[in-house]
Protein backbone atom coordinates (compact mmCIF):
# COMPACT_ATOMS: atom_id res chain seq x y z
CA MET A 1 112.54 -134.15 259.18
CA ALA A 2 108.91 -134.07 260.27
CA LEU A 3 108.52 -131.48 262.98
CA GLN A 4 105.38 -131.58 265.10
CA GLU A 5 103.14 -128.55 265.52
CA SER A 6 104.63 -127.69 268.92
CA GLY A 7 108.16 -127.69 267.48
CA GLU A 8 107.02 -125.39 264.70
CA MET A 9 105.45 -123.07 267.28
CA TYR A 10 108.74 -122.87 269.15
CA LEU A 11 110.69 -122.11 265.99
CA GLU A 12 108.23 -119.43 264.93
CA THR A 13 108.34 -117.88 268.41
CA ILE A 14 112.14 -117.83 268.47
CA TYR A 15 112.10 -116.22 265.03
CA VAL A 16 109.57 -113.54 266.05
CA LEU A 17 111.41 -112.79 269.31
CA SER A 18 114.76 -112.65 267.51
CA GLN A 19 113.36 -109.95 265.22
CA ARG A 20 112.85 -107.79 268.32
CA SER A 21 116.08 -108.67 270.13
CA ASN A 22 119.22 -110.72 269.55
CA ALA A 23 118.98 -111.95 273.13
CA VAL A 24 116.27 -114.63 273.15
CA ARG A 25 116.09 -116.57 276.41
CA GLY A 26 114.06 -119.60 277.36
CA ILE A 27 112.03 -117.48 279.76
CA ASP A 28 111.07 -115.15 276.89
CA ILE A 29 109.86 -118.11 274.85
CA GLY A 30 107.89 -119.48 277.79
CA GLU A 31 106.22 -116.13 278.45
CA HIS A 32 105.34 -115.68 274.79
CA LEU A 33 103.80 -119.14 274.48
CA GLY A 34 102.49 -119.46 278.04
CA TYR A 35 104.57 -122.58 278.74
CA SER A 36 106.52 -123.60 281.83
CA LYS A 37 110.31 -123.42 282.05
CA PRO A 38 110.69 -127.24 282.06
CA SER A 39 108.52 -127.54 278.93
CA VAL A 40 110.58 -124.90 277.15
CA SER A 41 113.86 -126.52 278.22
CA ARG A 42 112.74 -129.90 276.92
CA ALA A 43 111.54 -128.47 273.60
CA ILE A 44 114.73 -126.45 273.10
CA GLY A 45 116.74 -129.60 273.79
CA LEU A 46 114.79 -131.50 271.14
CA LEU A 47 115.19 -128.67 268.62
CA LYS A 48 118.89 -128.54 269.42
CA ASP A 49 119.17 -132.29 268.81
CA GLU A 50 117.50 -131.73 265.41
CA GLY A 51 120.07 -129.05 264.57
CA LEU A 52 117.48 -126.26 264.44
CA VAL A 53 118.62 -124.16 267.42
CA LYS A 54 121.79 -123.55 269.38
CA ARG A 55 122.86 -121.63 272.44
CA ASP A 56 125.51 -118.96 272.06
CA ASP A 57 128.34 -118.34 274.54
CA ASP A 58 126.03 -116.17 276.67
CA GLY A 59 123.29 -118.83 276.78
CA PHE A 60 120.95 -117.07 274.38
CA ILE A 61 118.93 -119.21 271.99
CA LYS A 62 119.63 -118.77 268.29
CA LEU A 63 118.21 -120.42 265.21
CA THR A 64 120.67 -122.37 263.09
CA GLU A 65 120.60 -121.75 259.36
CA ALA A 66 118.26 -124.73 258.91
CA GLY A 67 116.12 -123.54 261.82
CA GLU A 68 115.83 -120.05 260.40
CA ILE A 69 114.79 -121.32 256.98
CA LEU A 70 112.04 -123.42 258.56
CA ALA A 71 110.98 -120.67 260.97
CA LYS A 72 110.69 -118.12 258.15
CA ARG A 73 108.54 -120.56 256.18
CA ILE A 74 106.22 -121.09 259.15
CA TYR A 75 106.03 -117.36 259.87
CA GLU A 76 105.27 -116.59 256.21
CA ARG A 77 102.39 -119.05 256.33
CA HIS A 78 101.08 -117.35 259.46
CA THR A 79 101.25 -113.84 258.02
CA VAL A 80 99.81 -114.74 254.60
CA LEU A 81 96.95 -116.75 256.09
CA THR A 82 96.20 -113.99 258.62
CA ARG A 83 96.03 -111.41 255.80
CA LEU A 84 93.79 -113.69 253.73
CA LEU A 85 91.35 -114.17 256.59
CA MET A 86 91.32 -110.46 257.38
CA ASN A 87 90.67 -109.70 253.69
CA ILE A 88 87.49 -111.76 253.82
CA GLY A 89 86.26 -109.95 256.91
CA VAL A 90 87.64 -111.85 259.90
CA ASP A 91 88.83 -109.63 262.75
CA GLU A 92 92.60 -109.52 263.28
CA LYS A 93 92.69 -111.46 266.56
CA THR A 94 90.54 -114.32 265.24
CA ALA A 95 92.37 -114.31 261.90
CA SER A 96 95.74 -114.65 263.64
CA GLU A 97 94.52 -117.41 265.96
CA ASP A 98 92.97 -119.38 263.09
CA ALA A 99 96.01 -118.86 260.86
CA CYS A 100 98.14 -120.23 263.69
CA ARG A 101 96.16 -123.46 263.62
CA VAL A 102 96.00 -123.82 259.84
CA GLU A 103 99.67 -122.97 259.13
CA HIS A 104 100.83 -126.30 260.54
CA TYR A 105 98.55 -128.51 258.44
CA ILE A 106 98.02 -126.80 255.10
CA SER A 107 99.77 -128.45 252.15
CA ASP A 108 102.49 -126.67 250.21
CA THR A 109 100.31 -126.87 247.09
CA THR A 110 97.37 -125.13 248.74
CA PHE A 111 99.56 -122.54 250.45
CA ASP A 112 101.34 -121.72 247.19
CA ALA A 113 97.94 -121.26 245.49
CA ILE A 114 96.80 -118.94 248.30
CA LYS A 115 100.03 -116.96 248.09
CA ALA A 116 99.67 -116.59 244.31
CA HIS A 117 96.05 -115.49 244.75
CA MET A 118 97.04 -112.94 247.39
CA LYS A 119 99.70 -111.46 245.08
CA LYS A 120 97.02 -110.85 242.44
CA GLN A 121 94.90 -108.89 244.91
């Protein structure tokens, strides 16, 4: 399944918010990303159709097992790339913003090489 950047952003956001609270709502996702309620509803519907998210009995949004695996991968890319950029002197805010852009396009080969390099440091 080839998820677009926006879908990856939603998964990563749900993952991050779920680390803070088990009760992730669409409004929380919208506030975090700065998106409207209709945009969030549409995206959640698409992610649900892909089998990456589900709603529990109380209406809270949860990652499926497949969704969590993908979200963790995206989040790992974000954190590793942010650390790399900060290590070379980029301020934290800029490093995080740039990592957010790069994490969606970097190849697995390049990311694995960066990760291996970071472990040596």
